[in-house]
Every structure is written in structure tokens, then in C-alpha cells.
PDB file of N, CA and C in Angstrom:
ATOM      1  N   MET A   1     -35.749  -7.037 -18.364  1.00  0.00           N
ATOM      2  CA  MET A   1     -35.485  -7.137 -16.952  1.00  0.00           C
ATOM      3  C   MET A   1     -36.160  -5.946 -16.290  1.00  0.00           C
ATOM      4  N   GLN A   2     -36.806  -6.184 -15.163  1.00  0.00           N
ATOM      5  CA  GLN A   2     -37.471  -5.121 -14.423  1.00  0.00           C
ATOM      6  C   GLN A   2     -36.981  -5.208 -12.982  1.00  0.00           C
ATOM      7  N   ILE A   3     -36.545  -4.045 -12.427  1.00  0.00           N
ATOM      8  CA  ILE A   3     -36.039  -4.062 -11.078  1.00  0.00           C
ATOM      9  C   ILE A   3     -36.637  -2.901 -10.287  1.00  0.00           C
ATOM     10  N   ASN A   4     -36.587  -3.014  -8.947  1.00  0.00           N
ATOM     11  CA  ASN A   4     -37.082  -1.989  -8.058  1.00  0.00           C
ATOM     12  C   ASN A   4     -36.074  -0.846  -7.992  1.00  0.00           C
ATOM     13  N   LEU A   5     -36.506   0.326  -7.653  1.00  0.00           N
ATOM     14  CA  LEU A   5     -35.661   1.537  -7.618  1.00  0.00           C
ATOM     15  C   LEU A   5     -34.481   1.371  -6.647  1.00  0.00           C
ATOM     16  N   LEU A   6     -34.592   0.600  -5.583  1.00  0.00           N
ATOM     17  CA  LEU A   6     -33.514   0.430  -4.622  1.00  0.00           C
ATOM     18  C   LEU A   6     -32.396  -0.474  -5.099  1.00  0.00           C
ATOM     19  N   GLU A   7     -32.666  -1.343  -6.016  1.00  0.00           N
ATOM     20  CA  GLU A   7     -31.679  -2.325  -6.478  1.00  0.00           C
ATOM     21  C   GLU A   7     -30.484  -1.759  -7.260  1.00  0.00           C
ATOM     22  N   PRO A   8     -30.664  -0.756  -8.138  1.00  0.00           N
ATOM     23  CA  PRO A   8     -29.543  -0.305  -8.958  1.00  0.00           C
ATOM     24  C   PRO A   8     -28.335   0.158  -8.143  1.00  0.00           C
ATOM     25  N   THR A   9     -28.562   0.742  -6.952  1.00  0.00           N
ATOM     26  CA  THR A   9     -27.412   1.203  -6.180  1.00  0.00           C
ATOM     27  C   THR A   9     -26.510   0.080  -5.754  1.00  0.00           C
ATOM     28  N   ASN A  10     -27.066  -1.092  -5.577  1.00  0.00           N
ATOM     29  CA  ASN A  10     -26.286  -2.251  -5.166  1.00  0.00           C
ATOM     30  C   ASN A  10     -25.738  -3.067  -6.334  1.00  0.00           C
ATOM     31  N   ASN A  11     -26.341  -2.921  -7.524  1.00  0.00           N
ATOM     32  CA  ASN A  11     -25.999  -3.809  -8.625  1.00  0.00           C
ATOM     33  C   ASN A  11     -25.804  -3.068  -9.946  1.00  0.00           C
ATOM     34  N   LEU A  12     -25.331  -1.814  -9.905  1.00  0.00           N
ATOM     35  CA  LEU A  12     -25.182  -1.034 -11.128  1.00  0.00           C
ATOM     36  C   LEU A  12     -24.257  -1.709 -12.145  1.00  0.00           C
ATOM     37  N   PRO A  13     -23.095  -2.223 -11.756  1.00  0.00           N
ATOM     38  CA  PRO A  13     -22.236  -2.880 -12.773  1.00  0.00           C
ATOM     39  C   PRO A  13     -22.927  -4.021 -13.481  1.00  0.00           C
ATOM     40  N   GLY A  14     -23.726  -4.787 -12.776  1.00  0.00           N
ATOM     41  CA  GLY A  14     -24.448  -5.899 -13.405  1.00  0.00           C
ATOM     42  C   GLY A  14     -25.520  -5.406 -14.347  1.00  0.00           C
ATOM     43  N   LEU A  15     -26.176  -4.290 -14.002  1.00  0.00           N
ATOM     44  CA  LEU A  15     -27.206  -3.734 -14.873  1.00  0.00           C
ATOM     45  C   LEU A  15     -26.598  -3.159 -16.146  1.00  0.00           C
ATOM     46  N   VAL A  16     -25.449  -2.509 -16.017  1.00  0.00           N
ATOM     47  CA  VAL A  16     -24.750  -1.985 -17.196  1.00  0.00           C
ATOM     48  C   VAL A  16     -24.316  -3.130 -18.088  1.00  0.00           C
ATOM     49  N   LEU A  17     -23.822  -4.187 -17.513  1.00  0.00           N
ATOM     50  CA  LEU A  17     -23.425  -5.355 -18.302  1.00  0.00           C
ATOM     51  C   LEU A  17     -24.599  -5.949 -19.057  1.00  0.00           C
ATOM     52  N   ALA A  18     -25.771  -6.010 -18.404  1.00  0.00           N
ATOM     53  CA  ALA A  18     -26.960  -6.519 -19.056  1.00  0.00           C
ATOM     54  C   ALA A  18     -27.345  -5.628 -20.231  1.00  0.00           C
ATOM     55  N   ALA A  19     -27.234  -4.311 -20.045  1.00  0.00           N
ATOM     56  CA  ALA A  19     -27.552  -3.377 -21.141  1.00  0.00           C
ATOM     57  C   ALA A  19     -26.560  -3.536 -22.264  1.00  0.00           C
ATOM     58  N   GLU A  20     -25.294  -3.759 -21.963  1.00  0.00           N
ATOM     59  CA  GLU A  20     -24.282  -3.944 -23.002  1.00  0.00           C
ATOM     60  C   GLU A  20     -24.587  -5.196 -23.827  1.00  0.00           C
ATOM     61  N   ARG A  21     -25.191  -6.189 -23.236  1.00  0.00           N
ATOM     62  CA  ARG A  21     -25.549  -7.404 -23.966  1.00  0.00           C
ATOM     63  C   ARG A  21     -26.824  -7.226 -24.791  1.00  0.00           C
ATOM     64  N   GLY A  22     -27.438  -6.017 -24.684  1.00  0.00           N
ATOM     65  CA  GLY A  22     -28.634  -5.743 -25.493  1.00  0.00           C
ATOM     66  C   GLY A  22     -29.922  -5.865 -24.723  1.00  0.00           C
ATOM     67  N   GLU A  23     -29.855  -6.194 -23.434  1.00  0.00           N
ATOM     68  CA  GLU A  23     -31.059  -6.328 -22.624  1.00  0.00           C
ATOM     69  C   GLU A  23     -31.514  -4.942 -22.169  1.00  0.00           C
ATOM     70  N   GLU A  24     -32.813  -4.744 -22.165  1.00  0.00           N
ATOM     71  CA  GLU A  24     -33.401  -3.492 -21.684  1.00  0.00           C
ATOM     72  C   GLU A  24     -33.668  -3.639 -20.183  1.00  0.00           C
ATOM     73  N   VAL A  25     -33.132  -2.729 -19.369  1.00  0.00           N
ATOM     74  CA  VAL A  25     -33.313  -2.789 -17.916  1.00  0.00           C
ATOM     75  C   VAL A  25     -34.306  -1.678 -17.546  1.00  0.00           C
ATOM     76  N   LEU A  26     -35.434  -2.065 -17.014  1.00  0.00           N
ATOM     77  CA  LEU A  26     -36.496  -1.115 -16.656  1.00  0.00           C
ATOM     78  C   LEU A  26     -36.467  -0.950 -15.131  1.00  0.00           C
ATOM     79  N   ILE A  27     -36.356   0.302 -14.684  1.00  0.00           N
ATOM     80  CA  ILE A  27     -36.333   0.600 -13.247  1.00  0.00           C
ATOM     81  C   ILE A  27     -37.719   1.138 -12.868  1.00  0.00           C
ATOM     82  N   VAL A  28     -38.292   0.535 -11.832  1.00  0.00           N
ATOM     83  CA  VAL A  28     -39.668   0.889 -11.429  1.00  0.00           C
ATOM     84  C   VAL A  28     -39.681   1.377  -9.993  1.00  0.00           C
ATOM     85  N   ARG A  29     -40.629   2.259  -9.715  1.00  0.00           N
ATOM     86  CA  ARG A  29     -40.883   2.720  -8.347  1.00  0.00           C
ATOM     87  C   ARG A  29     -42.367   2.414  -8.056  1.00  0.00           C
ATOM     88  N   ASN A  30     -42.586   1.610  -7.048  1.00  0.00           N
ATOM     89  CA  ASN A  30     -43.953   1.195  -6.669  1.00  0.00           C
ATOM     90  C   ASN A  30     -44.691   0.599  -7.866  1.00  0.00           C
ATOM     91  N   GLY A  31     -43.987  -0.161  -8.672  1.00  0.00           N
ATOM     92  CA  GLY A  31     -44.589  -0.840  -9.824  1.00  0.00           C
ATOM     93  C   GLY A  31     -44.769   0.038 -11.043  1.00  0.00           C
ATOM     94  N   ILE A  32     -44.336   1.306 -10.982  1.00  0.00           N
ATOM     95  CA  ILE A  32     -44.519   2.234 -12.100  1.00  0.00           C
ATOM     96  C   ILE A  32     -43.136   2.501 -12.735  1.00  0.00           C
ATOM     97  N   PRO A  33     -42.970   2.255 -14.029  1.00  0.00           N
ATOM     98  CA  PRO A  33     -41.672   2.495 -14.694  1.00  0.00           C
ATOM     99  C   PRO A  33     -41.262   3.958 -14.594  1.00  0.00           C
ATOM    100  N   VAL A  34     -39.993   4.198 -14.215  1.00  0.00           N
ATOM    101  CA  VAL A  34     -39.501   5.576 -14.104  1.00  0.00           C
ATOM    102  C   VAL A  34     -38.218   5.794 -14.915  1.00  0.00           C
ATOM    103  N   ALA A  35     -37.501   4.737 -15.275  1.00  0.00           N
ATOM    104  CA  ALA A  35     -36.257   4.887 -16.044  1.00  0.00           C
ATOM    105  C   ALA A  35     -35.953   3.597 -16.784  1.00  0.00           C
ATOM    106  N   LYS A  36     -35.098   3.747 -17.788  1.00  0.00           N
ATOM    107  CA  LYS A  36     -34.709   2.588 -18.601  1.00  0.00           C
ATOM    108  C   LYS A  36     -33.237   2.680 -18.890  1.00  0.00           C
ATOM    109  N   ILE A  37     -32.495   1.566 -18.729  1.00  0.00           N
ATOM    110  CA  ILE A  37     -31.084   1.499 -19.084  1.00  0.00           C
ATOM    111  C   ILE A  37     -30.996   0.672 -20.362  1.00  0.00           C
ATOM    112  N   VAL A  38     -30.416   1.252 -21.397  1.00  0.00           N
ATOM    113  CA  VAL A  38     -30.282   0.552 -22.688  1.00  0.00           C
ATOM    114  C   VAL A  38     -28.856   0.735 -23.179  1.00  0.00           C
ATOM    115  N   LYS A  39     -28.437  -0.118 -24.078  1.00  0.00           N
ATOM    116  CA  LYS A  39     -27.110  -0.027 -24.674  1.00  0.00           C
ATOM    117  C   LYS A  39     -27.006   1.258 -25.514  1.00  0.00           C
ATOM    118  N   TYR A  40     -25.896   1.969 -25.321  1.00  0.00           N
ATOM    119  CA  TYR A  40     -25.662   3.179 -26.106  1.00  0.00           C
ATOM    120  C   TYR A  40     -25.250   2.801 -27.516  1.00  0.00           C
ATOM    121  N   GLU A  41     -25.835   3.480 -28.488  1.00  0.00           N
ATOM    122  CA  GLU A  41     -25.441   3.302 -29.877  1.00  0.00           C
ATOM    123  C   GLU A  41     -25.129   4.678 -30.448  1.00  0.00           C
ATOM    124  N   ALA A  42     -23.936   4.814 -31.000  1.00  0.00           N
ATOM    125  CA  ALA A  42     -23.530   6.102 -31.564  1.00  0.00           C
ATOM    126  C   ALA A  42     -24.434   6.460 -32.731  1.00  0.00           C
ATOM    127  N   PRO A  43     -24.789   7.723 -32.886  1.00  0.00           N
ATOM    128  CA  PRO A  43     -25.639   8.135 -33.988  1.00  0.00           C
ATOM    129  C   PRO A  43     -24.934   7.902 -35.339  1.00  0.00           C
ATOM    130  N   LYS A  44     -25.729   7.539 -36.303  1.00  0.00           N
ATOM    131  CA  LYS A  44     -25.182   7.301 -37.642  1.00  0.00           C
ATOM    132  C   LYS A  44     -24.991   8.634 -38.344  1.00  0.00           C
ATOM    133  N   VAL A  45     -23.784   8.872 -38.825  1.00  0.00           N
ATOM    134  CA  VAL A  45     -23.448  10.126 -39.491  1.00  0.00           C
ATOM    135  C   VAL A  45     -23.226   9.807 -40.968  1.00  0.00           C
ATOM    136  N   LYS A  46     -23.943  10.524 -41.810  1.00  0.00           N
ATOM    137  CA  LYS A  46     -23.776  10.319 -43.254  1.00  0.00           C
ATOM    138  C   LYS A  46     -22.464  10.926 -43.704  1.00  0.00           C
ATOM    139  N   SER A  47     -21.863  10.303 -44.676  1.00  0.00           N
ATOM    140  CA  SER A  47     -20.607  10.796 -45.183  1.00  0.00           C
ATOM    141  C   SER A  47     -20.810  12.074 -45.980  1.00  0.00           C
ATOM    142  N   PRO A  48     -19.778  12.923 -46.035  1.00  0.00           N
ATOM    143  CA  PRO A  48     -19.893  14.169 -46.813  1.00  0.00           C
ATOM    144  C   PRO A  48     -20.214  13.863 -48.276  1.00  0.00           C
ATOM    145  N   GLY A  49     -21.004  14.723 -48.854  1.00  0.00           N
ATOM    146  CA  GLY A  49     -21.345  14.563 -50.256  1.00  0.00           C
ATOM    147  C   GLY A  49     -22.523  13.662 -50.523  1.00  0.00           C
ATOM    148  N   CYS A  50     -23.297  13.349 -49.496  1.00  0.00           N
ATOM    149  CA  CYS A  50     -24.409  12.420 -49.688  1.00  0.00           C
ATOM    150  C   CYS A  50     -25.540  13.034 -50.533  1.00  0.00           C
ATOM    151  N   TRP A  51     -25.559  14.384 -50.704  1.00  0.00           N
ATOM    152  CA  TRP A  51     -26.557  15.054 -51.535  1.00  0.00           C
ATOM    153  C   TRP A  51     -26.048  15.256 -52.959  1.00  0.00           C
ATOM    154  N   LYS A  52     -24.818  14.872 -53.251  1.00  0.00           N
ATOM    155  CA  LYS A  52     -24.258  15.100 -54.588  1.00  0.00           C
ATOM    156  C   LYS A  52     -25.146  14.420 -55.645  1.00  0.00           C
ATOM    157  N   SER A  53     -25.432  15.152 -56.682  1.00  0.00           N
ATOM    158  CA  SER A  53     -26.241  14.703 -57.813  1.00  0.00           C
ATOM    159  C   SER A  53     -27.702  14.490 -57.476  1.00  0.00           C
ATOM    160  N   LYS A  54     -28.145  14.918 -56.292  1.00  0.00           N
ATOM    161  CA  LYS A  54     -29.543  14.744 -55.909  1.00  0.00           C
ATOM    162  C   LYS A  54     -30.301  16.073 -55.912  1.00  0.00           C
ATOM    163  N   VAL A  55     -29.584  17.179 -56.028  1.00  0.00           N
ATOM    164  CA  VAL A  55     -30.204  18.485 -56.010  1.00  0.00           C
ATOM    165  C   VAL A  55     -29.795  19.228 -57.282  1.00  0.00           C
ATOM    166  N   ALA A  56     -30.791  19.767 -57.978  1.00  0.00           N
ATOM    167  CA  ALA A  56     -30.497  20.532 -59.189  1.00  0.00           C
ATOM    168  C   ALA A  56     -30.380  22.015 -58.856  1.00  0.00           C
ATOM    169  N   TYR A  57     -29.363  22.639 -59.362  1.00  0.00           N
ATOM    170  CA  TYR A  57     -29.164  24.086 -59.191  1.00  0.00           C
ATOM    171  C   TYR A  57     -29.846  24.837 -60.341  1.00  0.00           C
ATOM    172  N   SER A  58     -30.340  26.013 -60.019  1.00  0.00           N
ATOM    173  CA  SER A  58     -30.880  26.869 -61.046  1.00  0.00           C
ATOM    174  C   SER A  58     -29.736  27.344 -61.927  1.00  0.00           C
ATOM    175  N   HIS A  59     -29.978  27.548 -63.197  1.00  0.00           N
ATOM    176  CA  HIS A  59     -28.922  27.963 -64.126  1.00  0.00           C
ATOM    177  C   HIS A  59     -28.387  29.360 -63.778  1.00  0.00           C
ATOM    178  N   ASP A  60     -29.178  30.164 -63.072  1.00  0.00           N
ATOM    179  CA  ASP A  60     -28.725  31.525 -62.751  1.00  0.00           C
ATOM    180  C   ASP A  60     -28.412  31.708 -61.259  1.00  0.00           C
ATOM    181  N   TRP A  61     -28.031  30.631 -60.591  1.00  0.00           N
ATOM    182  CA  TRP A  61     -27.796  30.701 -59.143  1.00  0.00           C
ATOM    183  C   TRP A  61     -26.663  31.635 -58.772  1.00  0.00           C
ATOM    184  N   ASP A  62     -25.709  31.863 -59.672  1.00  0.00           N
ATOM    185  CA  ASP A  62     -24.584  32.750 -59.371  1.00  0.00           C
ATOM    186  C   ASP A  62     -24.533  33.927 -60.337  1.00  0.00           C
ATOM    187  N   SER A  63     -25.681  34.382 -60.798  1.00  0.00           N
ATOM    188  CA  SER A  63     -25.700  35.501 -61.737  1.00  0.00           C
ATOM    189  C   SER A  63     -25.583  36.819 -60.967  1.00  0.00           C
ATOM    190  N   ALA A  64     -25.271  37.892 -61.679  1.00  0.00           N
ATOM    191  CA  ALA A  64     -25.146  39.201 -61.070  1.00  0.00           C
ATOM    192  C   ALA A  64     -26.485  39.654 -60.479  1.00  0.00           C
ATOM    193  N   GLU A  65     -27.585  39.340 -61.171  1.00  0.00           N
ATOM    194  CA  GLU A  65     -28.905  39.736 -60.668  1.00  0.00           C
ATOM    195  C   GLU A  65     -29.245  39.012 -59.355  1.00  0.00           C
ATOM    196  N   THR A  66     -28.971  37.727 -59.301  1.00  0.00           N
ATOM    197  CA  THR A  66     -29.251  36.949 -58.093  1.00  0.00           C
ATOM    198  C   THR A  66     -28.393  37.456 -56.946  1.00  0.00           C
ATOM    199  N   ASN A  67     -27.117  37.691 -57.187  1.00  0.00           N
ATOM    200  CA  ASN A  67     -26.216  38.205 -56.154  1.00  0.00           C
ATOM    201  C   ASN A  67     -26.640  39.567 -55.654  1.00  0.00           C
ATOM    202  N   ALA A  68     -27.112  40.416 -56.548  1.00  0.00           N
ATOM    203  CA  ALA A  68     -27.570  41.757 -56.152  1.00  0.00           C
ATOM    204  C   ALA A  68     -28.838  41.639 -55.293  1.00  0.00           C
ATOM    205  N   GLU A  69     -29.725  40.730 -55.654  1.00  0.00           N
ATOM    206  CA  GLU A  69     -30.957  40.538 -54.881  1.00  0.00           C
ATOM    207  C   GLU A  69     -30.647  40.021 -53.477  1.00  0.00           C
ATOM    208  N   ILE A  70     -29.698  39.119 -53.377  1.00  0.00           N
ATOM    209  CA  ILE A  70     -29.293  38.597 -52.064  1.00  0.00           C
ATOM    210  C   ILE A  70     -28.619  39.687 -51.235  1.00  0.00           C
ATOM    211  N   ALA A  71     -27.760  40.471 -51.864  1.00  0.00           N
ATOM    212  CA  ALA A  71     -27.106  41.585 -51.151  1.00  0.00           C
ATOM    213  C   ALA A  71     -28.146  42.572 -50.668  1.00  0.00           C
ATOM    214  N   ASN A  72     -29.171  42.826 -51.464  1.00  0.00           N
ATOM    215  CA  ASN A  72     -30.240  43.726 -51.087  1.00  0.00           C
ATOM    216  C   ASN A  72     -31.008  43.189 -49.877  1.00  0.00           C
ATOM    217  N   LEU A  73     -31.212  41.873 -49.834  1.00  0.00           N
ATOM    218  CA  LEU A  73     -31.905  41.254 -48.687  1.00  0.00           C
ATOM    219  C   LEU A  73     -31.091  41.418 -47.401  1.00  0.00           C
ATOM    220  N   PHE A  74     -29.765  41.327 -47.509  1.00  0.00           N
ATOM    221  CA  PHE A  74     -28.936  41.449 -46.307  1.00  0.00           C
ATOM    222  C   PHE A  74     -28.711  42.912 -45.885  1.00  0.00           C
ATOM    223  N   HIS A  75     -28.512  43.788 -46.863  1.00  0.00           N
ATOM    224  CA  HIS A  75     -28.113  45.136 -46.559  1.00  0.00           C
ATOM    225  C   HIS A  75     -29.218  46.179 -46.735  1.00  0.00           C
ATOM    226  N   GLY A  76     -30.281  45.805 -47.343  1.00  0.00           N
ATOM    227  CA  GLY A  76     -31.414  46.724 -47.490  1.00  0.00           C
ATOM    228  C   GLY A  76     -31.367  47.662 -48.614  1.00  0.00           C
TER     229      GLY A  76
END
């Protein structure tokens, strides 16, 4: 659906309803697109633990030497 810039002020509820049904509403000024009304879709959030078993840890990730090196990086 394509409408002129002056129309949304008179018909906003109808335009929102069209977007809810999945229709893309394109608002134009002098024949040039300036805005689009689309249905809102919540972002997909991955569940916690989605990286479990996909990343290998180094065998010395929690060794005294590694911890000392990290402390040195933070404290100098």
C-alpha cells in the first residue's frame, strides 16, 4: 500500500491495522518514499546456554600462571 504524506493523519488506525495484517504501508511525499509502517516483531532471543559444548577451553585456563598474567594486565 502506498499513501500520500497527508493521509496518515486522517487514517492512522486503518494504517496500523493494515500493518498488523502484514501489509507494508509506504508513505510518500511528492511521489518519493519517506517512511514505512510495518508490523512489529519482537527480536528473537536465544536461550541461555546456547554455546554449551560448542567452545573448547584451554586446559590451563584457570592456572596460577594464567591468573597472574591476567592480574598483571589489569594492575601492571
